[in-house]
Protein backbone atom coordinates (compact mmCIF):
# COMPACT_ATOMS: atom_id res chain seq x y z
CA MET A 1 -45.40 64.94 31.80
CA SER A 2 -42.23 66.58 30.18
CA ARG A 3 -40.37 65.80 34.04
CA ALA A 4 -41.62 62.45 34.46
CA CYS A 5 -40.26 61.42 30.79
CA SER A 6 -36.95 63.18 31.28
CA ARG A 7 -36.54 60.83 34.25
CA VAL A 8 -37.39 58.03 31.71
CA HIS A 9 -35.34 58.53 28.58
CA PRO A 10 -33.49 61.98 29.21
CA ARG A 11 -32.33 61.73 25.10
CA VAL A 12 -35.93 62.64 24.39
CA TYR A 13 -36.62 65.61 26.89
CA PRO A 14 -33.52 67.16 27.41
CA ARG A 15 -35.19 70.24 25.72
CA GLY A 16 -38.96 69.45 26.67
CA GLY A 17 -39.71 67.72 22.99
CA TRP A 18 -39.25 65.26 20.24
CA ASP A 19 -35.68 66.10 18.61
CA THR A 20 -35.68 64.07 15.76
CA TRP A 21 -37.80 60.98 14.16
CA THR A 22 -35.02 58.80 15.00
CA ASP A 23 -35.85 59.98 18.73
CA LEU A 24 -39.42 58.76 17.83
CA LEU A 25 -38.33 55.18 16.20
CA PHE A 26 -35.91 54.73 19.43
CA ILE A 27 -38.71 54.49 21.59
CA PHE A 28 -40.75 52.33 19.25
CA VAL A 29 -38.48 50.50 19.15
CA ILE A 30 -37.61 50.33 23.20
CA SER A 31 -41.92 49.84 23.90
CA VAL A 32 -41.89 47.14 21.23
CA ILE A 33 -39.23 45.42 23.26
CA THR A 34 -40.57 46.08 26.67
CA VAL A 35 -44.02 44.91 25.96
CA GLY A 36 -42.86 41.79 24.22
CA ALA A 37 -40.83 40.72 27.09
CA ALA A 38 -43.51 41.56 29.54
CA PHE A 39 -45.98 39.61 27.19
CA ILE A 40 -43.76 36.53 27.40
CA LEU A 41 -43.05 36.79 30.77
CA HIS A 42 -46.80 37.19 31.14
CA GLU A 43 -47.41 33.86 29.39
CA MET A 44 -44.62 31.79 31.24
CA ALA A 45 -45.43 32.46 34.49
CA HIS A 46 -48.91 30.71 33.39
CA LYS A 47 -47.39 28.21 31.80
CA PHE A 48 -44.82 27.23 34.50
CA THR A 49 -47.35 27.30 37.14
CA ALA A 50 -49.45 25.06 35.22
CA MET A 51 -46.54 22.82 35.14
CA LYS A 52 -45.40 22.71 38.88
CA PHE A 53 -48.75 21.38 39.35
CA GLY A 54 -48.50 18.78 36.80
CA TYR A 55 -50.50 20.01 34.24
CA TYR A 56 -49.18 19.97 30.11
CA ALA A 57 -49.01 23.74 29.11
CA ALA A 58 -48.47 25.23 25.86
CA PHE A 59 -48.87 28.81 24.36
CA ARG A 60 -51.13 28.72 21.51
CA LYS A 61 -51.30 31.83 18.69
CA ASP A 62 -55.15 33.48 17.66
CA ASN A 63 -54.08 35.32 14.67
CA GLY A 64 -57.75 36.38 14.60
CA MET A 65 -57.12 38.05 18.04
CA LEU A 66 -53.95 39.72 16.40
CA LEU A 67 -55.66 41.41 13.59
CA MET A 68 -58.39 42.76 15.78
CA GLY A 69 -56.02 44.19 18.19
CA VAL A 70 -54.64 46.14 15.10
CA ALA A 71 -58.12 47.09 13.94
CA LEU A 72 -59.34 48.68 17.31
CA ALA A 73 -55.98 50.39 17.50
CA ALA A 74 -56.37 51.55 13.77
CA LEU A 75 -59.94 52.46 13.87
CA VAL A 76 -61.05 53.39 17.57
CA GLY A 77 -57.38 54.15 19.17
CA VAL A 78 -57.41 51.27 21.75
CA VAL A 79 -54.76 49.20 22.15
CA PHE A 80 -55.58 45.70 23.25
CA ALA A 81 -53.61 42.70 21.53
CA ALA A 82 -54.36 39.51 22.61
CA PRO A 83 -52.05 37.08 19.80
CA GLY A 84 -52.55 33.99 21.68
CA ALA A 85 -52.66 32.37 25.28
CA THR A 86 -51.29 30.31 27.33
CA VAL A 87 -53.58 26.69 26.98
CA ILE A 88 -53.77 24.38 29.62
CA TYR A 89 -54.62 20.81 29.47
CA GLY A 90 -55.83 18.47 32.22
CA GLN A 91 -54.80 14.97 32.78
CA PRO A 92 -57.14 12.17 32.68
CA GLY A 93 -59.47 11.09 35.73
CA ARG A 94 -57.79 14.66 37.50
CA ASP A 95 -59.95 17.39 37.52
CA MET A 96 -57.98 21.45 37.90
CA SER A 97 -59.09 22.16 41.37
CA LYS A 98 -60.47 26.06 42.01
CA LYS A 99 -57.40 26.91 44.00
CA GLU A 100 -54.87 25.47 41.38
CA ASN A 101 -57.00 27.27 38.83
CA GLY A 102 -56.53 30.49 40.75
CA ILE A 103 -53.27 30.64 41.15
CA ILE A 104 -52.35 29.61 37.57
CA SER A 105 -54.71 32.49 36.89
CA VAL A 106 -52.92 34.74 38.70
CA ALA A 107 -49.57 33.99 37.90
CA GLY A 108 -49.14 36.40 34.90
CA PRO A 109 -50.70 39.27 36.47
CA VAL A 110 -48.46 38.66 39.53
CA VAL A 111 -45.43 38.81 37.40
CA ASN A 112 -46.98 42.42 35.40
CA LEU A 113 -46.99 43.94 39.10
CA CYS A 114 -43.20 42.86 39.94
CA LEU A 115 -42.59 44.34 36.19
CA VAL A 116 -44.28 47.73 37.37
CA CYS A 117 -42.42 47.92 40.85
CA TYR A 118 -39.13 47.05 39.14
CA SER A 119 -39.59 49.64 36.54
CA LEU A 120 -40.69 52.37 38.81
CA ARG A 121 -37.50 51.62 40.78
CA LEU A 122 -35.38 52.17 37.55
CA SER A 123 -37.17 54.86 36.08
CA SER A 124 -36.59 56.59 39.95
CA GLN A 125 -40.01 57.54 40.68
CA ASP A 126 -41.41 57.25 44.08
CA LEU A 127 -42.52 53.66 45.03
CA PRO A 128 -46.04 53.07 45.86
CA CYS A 129 -46.28 49.85 47.73
CA ARG A 130 -44.53 47.78 50.42
CA CYS A 131 -43.77 45.19 47.62
CA CYS A 132 -42.35 48.01 45.28
CA ARG A 133 -40.00 48.91 48.02
CA SER A 134 -38.95 45.33 48.80
CA LEU A 135 -37.68 45.52 45.33
CA SER A 136 -35.40 48.32 45.82
CA SER A 137 -33.28 47.12 48.20
CA GLU A 138 -29.75 47.78 46.78
CA ARG A 139 -28.88 43.92 45.74
CA TRP A 140 -31.44 44.49 42.85
CA VAL A 141 -30.46 48.42 42.06
CA SER A 142 -27.78 49.91 42.94
CA GLN A 143 -28.09 53.98 42.24
């Protein structure tokens, strides 16, 4: 575990452990930024895909789900937060087809998979699939 973590962030594991509380704070801030960016990109993928098909889409927050996520993390130790979702509005006289619904639904997870592949490349881990290897070409990341 420490070998893998030292690849991701050498400052934290140069001597095999956490040095100070500032290291923990640094990792926490980086984690919040990373998760927040992934969440925003995921929801934007749903929105822009729906817009491509001619639907109106907007993000709607849900404070109740955010509170439930914090409570689950505190009480059970499971982190699952859904502070909102992209809501897609149909057009009058036009129903969304199953194909359009499927493409819009899968757009967010595809963005997450692309982020995983790119992150694996940045952390110099072994690349598990052909999709990830294609992202590792020199035009994306040079070492």
